[in-house]
Amino acid sequence: MALAATSWTLLQILTSLFGSVALYTIYAAWVVIALWEIIHSEKSTGGRWLWSLIVVLLPIVGPIAYYLFGSSKVPGSFKLGMLLVAPVVTLVVLFGLLTLANNIL
């Protein structure tokens, strides 16, 4: 069975890469900042281990839970930007690029 040939434009390829890289970068920042805070916190060793496991083993939900319910010292405005604004802006830009790519075809 032959596969249908698809021709990708440069814009479609860049849009795909942007969407993947941007969202993974945001997630990686969430995890790194959360783990940095946990490691340097004054909590008991057990509390640090528990939060570390939650952050690492529960993708996306773990870091968000730490920032909302843990003892994060990140200022509220930075949390809002990191947890809400950055992903929303990324998705809006990605949607715009996808719309542009589809209109060019």
C-alpha atoms as a PDB file:
ATOM      1  CA  MET A   1       0.000   0.000   0.000  1.00  0.00           C
ATOM      2  CA  ALA A   2       1.492   3.306  -1.058  1.00  0.00           C
ATOM      3  CA  LEU A   3       1.422   6.306   1.222  1.00  0.00           C
ATOM      4  CA  ALA A   4       0.099   9.564  -0.147  1.00  0.00           C
ATOM      5  CA  ALA A   5       2.819  12.094  -0.739  1.00  0.00           C
ATOM      6  CA  THR A   6       2.446  15.313   1.197  1.00  0.00           C
ATOM      7  CA  SER A   7       4.261  18.496   0.494  1.00  0.00           C
ATOM      8  CA  TRP A   8       4.986  20.609   3.518  1.00  0.00           C
ATOM      9  CA  THR A   9       5.708  24.259   3.131  1.00  0.00           C
ATOM     10  CA  LEU A  10       8.490  25.883   5.095  1.00  0.00           C
ATOM     11  CA  LEU A  11       5.895  27.808   7.115  1.00  0.00           C
ATOM     12  CA  GLN A  12       4.119  24.592   8.092  1.00  0.00           C
ATOM     13  CA  ILE A  13       7.387  23.006   9.210  1.00  0.00           C
ATOM     14  CA  LEU A  14       8.378  26.077  11.245  1.00  0.00           C
ATOM     15  CA  THR A  15       4.905  26.259  12.794  1.00  0.00           C
ATOM     16  CA  SER A  16       5.110  22.626  13.813  1.00  0.00           C
ATOM     17  CA  LEU A  17       8.545  23.127  15.340  1.00  0.00           C
ATOM     18  CA  PHE A  18       7.466  26.327  17.129  1.00  0.00           C
ATOM     19  CA  GLY A  19       4.456  24.619  18.669  1.00  0.00           C
ATOM     20  CA  SER A  20       6.462  21.676  19.926  1.00  0.00           C
ATOM     21  CA  VAL A  21       9.525  23.540  21.115  1.00  0.00           C
ATOM     22  CA  ALA A  22       7.663  26.431  22.751  1.00  0.00           C
ATOM     23  CA  LEU A  23       5.282  24.259  24.764  1.00  0.00           C
ATOM     24  CA  TYR A  24       8.032  21.851  25.861  1.00  0.00           C
ATOM     25  CA  THR A  25      10.212  24.802  26.860  1.00  0.00           C
ATOM     26  CA  ILE A  26       7.454  26.240  29.033  1.00  0.00           C
ATOM     27  CA  TYR A  27       6.920  22.860  30.683  1.00  0.00           C
ATOM     28  CA  ALA A  28      10.672  22.407  31.231  1.00  0.00           C
ATOM     29  CA  ALA A  29      10.835  25.847  32.871  1.00  0.00           C
ATOM     30  CA  TRP A  30       7.971  24.906  35.209  1.00  0.00           C
ATOM     31  CA  VAL A  31       9.746  21.730  36.284  1.00  0.00           C
ATOM     32  CA  VAL A  32      13.213  23.280  36.662  1.00  0.00           C
ATOM     33  CA  ILE A  33      11.984  26.247  38.694  1.00  0.00           C
ATOM     34  CA  ALA A  34       9.819  24.011  40.898  1.00  0.00           C
ATOM     35  CA  LEU A  35      12.660  21.554  41.551  1.00  0.00           C
ATOM     36  CA  TRP A  36      15.083  24.416  42.259  1.00  0.00           C
ATOM     37  CA  GLU A  37      12.688  25.828  44.832  1.00  0.00           C
ATOM     38  CA  ILE A  38      12.026  22.423  46.390  1.00  0.00           C
ATOM     39  CA  ILE A  39      15.721  21.570  46.699  1.00  0.00           C
ATOM     40  CA  HIS A  40      16.506  24.924  48.306  1.00  0.00           C
ATOM     41  CA  SER A  41      13.462  24.982  50.585  1.00  0.00           C
ATOM     42  CA  GLU A  42      13.622  24.604  54.339  1.00  0.00           C
ATOM     43  CA  LYS A  43      11.081  21.769  54.350  1.00  0.00           C
ATOM     44  CA  SER A  44      11.828  18.402  55.858  1.00  0.00           C
ATOM     45  CA  THR A  45      13.596  15.903  53.652  1.00  0.00           C
ATOM     46  CA  GLY A  46      10.385  13.875  53.331  1.00  0.00           C
ATOM     47  CA  GLY A  47       8.414  16.909  52.170  1.00  0.00           C
ATOM     48  CA  ARG A  48      11.040  17.764  49.591  1.00  0.00           C
ATOM     49  CA  TRP A  49      11.081  14.194  48.261  1.00  0.00           C
ATOM     50  CA  LEU A  50       7.301  14.088  48.059  1.00  0.00           C
ATOM     51  CA  TRP A  51       7.009  17.368  46.136  1.00  0.00           C
ATOM     52  CA  SER A  52       9.916  16.371  43.876  1.00  0.00           C
ATOM     53  CA  LEU A  53       8.163  13.119  42.974  1.00  0.00           C
ATOM     54  CA  ILE A  54       4.864  14.908  42.364  1.00  0.00           C
ATOM     55  CA  VAL A  55       6.528  17.465  40.076  1.00  0.00           C
ATOM     56  CA  VAL A  56       8.479  14.866  38.101  1.00  0.00           C
ATOM     57  CA  LEU A  57       5.945  12.025  37.907  1.00  0.00           C
ATOM     58  CA  LEU A  58       2.795  14.041  37.167  1.00  0.00           C
ATOM     59  CA  PRO A  59       3.449  15.899  33.924  1.00  0.00           C
ATOM     60  CA  ILE A  60       1.936  19.380  33.779  1.00  0.00           C
ATOM     61  CA  VAL A  61      -0.311  18.741  36.824  1.00  0.00           C
ATOM     62  CA  GLY A  62       2.650  18.256  39.194  1.00  0.00           C
ATOM     63  CA  PRO A  63       4.347  21.628  38.711  1.00  0.00           C
ATOM     64  CA  ILE A  64       1.002  23.432  38.667  1.00  0.00           C
ATOM     65  CA  ALA A  65       0.003  21.717  41.932  1.00  0.00           C
ATOM     66  CA  TYR A  66       3.308  22.750  43.506  1.00  0.00           C
ATOM     67  CA  TYR A  67       2.904  26.390  42.484  1.00  0.00           C
ATOM     68  CA  LEU A  68      -0.697  26.502  43.695  1.00  0.00           C
ATOM     69  CA  PHE A  69      -0.553  24.338  46.841  1.00  0.00           C
ATOM     70  CA  GLY A  70       3.132  23.983  47.738  1.00  0.00           C
ATOM     71  CA  SER A  71       5.243  26.491  49.576  1.00  0.00           C
ATOM     72  CA  SER A  72       6.450  28.222  46.429  1.00  0.00           C
ATOM     73  CA  LYS A  73       8.117  31.557  47.028  1.00  0.00           C
ATOM     74  CA  VAL A  74       7.589  32.675  43.434  1.00  0.00           C
ATOM     75  CA  PRO A  75       5.704  36.014  43.418  1.00  0.00           C
ATOM     76  CA  GLY A  76       2.036  35.815  42.409  1.00  0.00           C
ATOM     77  CA  SER A  77       2.419  37.906  39.260  1.00  0.00           C
ATOM     78  CA  PHE A  78       5.282  35.690  38.046  1.00  0.00           C
ATOM     79  CA  LYS A  79       3.210  32.560  38.766  1.00  0.00           C
ATOM     80  CA  LEU A  80       0.330  34.018  36.761  1.00  0.00           C
ATOM     81  CA  GLY A  81       2.625  34.802  33.849  1.00  0.00           C
ATOM     82  CA  MET A  82       4.332  31.437  34.000  1.00  0.00           C
ATOM     83  CA  LEU A  83       1.238  29.263  34.433  1.00  0.00           C
ATOM     84  CA  LEU A  84      -1.335  31.149  32.394  1.00  0.00           C
ATOM     85  CA  VAL A  85       0.003  33.916  30.178  1.00  0.00           C
ATOM     86  CA  ALA A  86       2.960  32.065  28.610  1.00  0.00           C
ATOM     87  CA  PRO A  87       0.961  29.002  27.474  1.00  0.00           C
ATOM     88  CA  VAL A  88      -1.962  31.131  26.261  1.00  0.00           C
ATOM     89  CA  VAL A  89       0.291  33.472  24.266  1.00  0.00           C
ATOM     90  CA  THR A  90       2.112  30.475  22.793  1.00  0.00           C
ATOM     91  CA  LEU A  91      -1.146  28.841  21.732  1.00  0.00           C
ATOM     92  CA  VAL A  92      -2.486  32.103  20.262  1.00  0.00           C
ATOM     93  CA  VAL A  93       0.706  32.584  18.221  1.00  0.00           C
ATOM     94  CA  LEU A  94       0.626  28.934  17.146  1.00  0.00           C
ATOM     95  CA  PHE A  95      -3.034  29.250  16.099  1.00  0.00           C
ATOM     96  CA  GLY A  96      -2.180  32.391  14.135  1.00  0.00           C
ATOM     97  CA  LEU A  97       0.709  30.660  12.377  1.00  0.00           C
ATOM     98  CA  LEU A  98      -1.452  27.643  11.547  1.00  0.00           C
ATOM     99  CA  THR A  99      -4.162  29.922  10.157  1.00  0.00           C
ATOM    100  CA  LEU A 100      -1.563  31.769   8.085  1.00  0.00           C
ATOM    101  CA  ALA A 101      -0.087  28.490   6.824  1.00  0.00           C
ATOM    102  CA  ASN A 102      -3.515  27.190   5.792  1.00  0.00           C
ATOM    103  CA  ASN A 103      -4.426  30.433   4.021  1.00  0.00           C
ATOM    104  CA  ILE A 104      -1.215  30.343   1.982  1.00  0.00           C
ATOM    105  CA  LEU A 105      -2.004  26.911   0.582  1.00  0.00           C
END
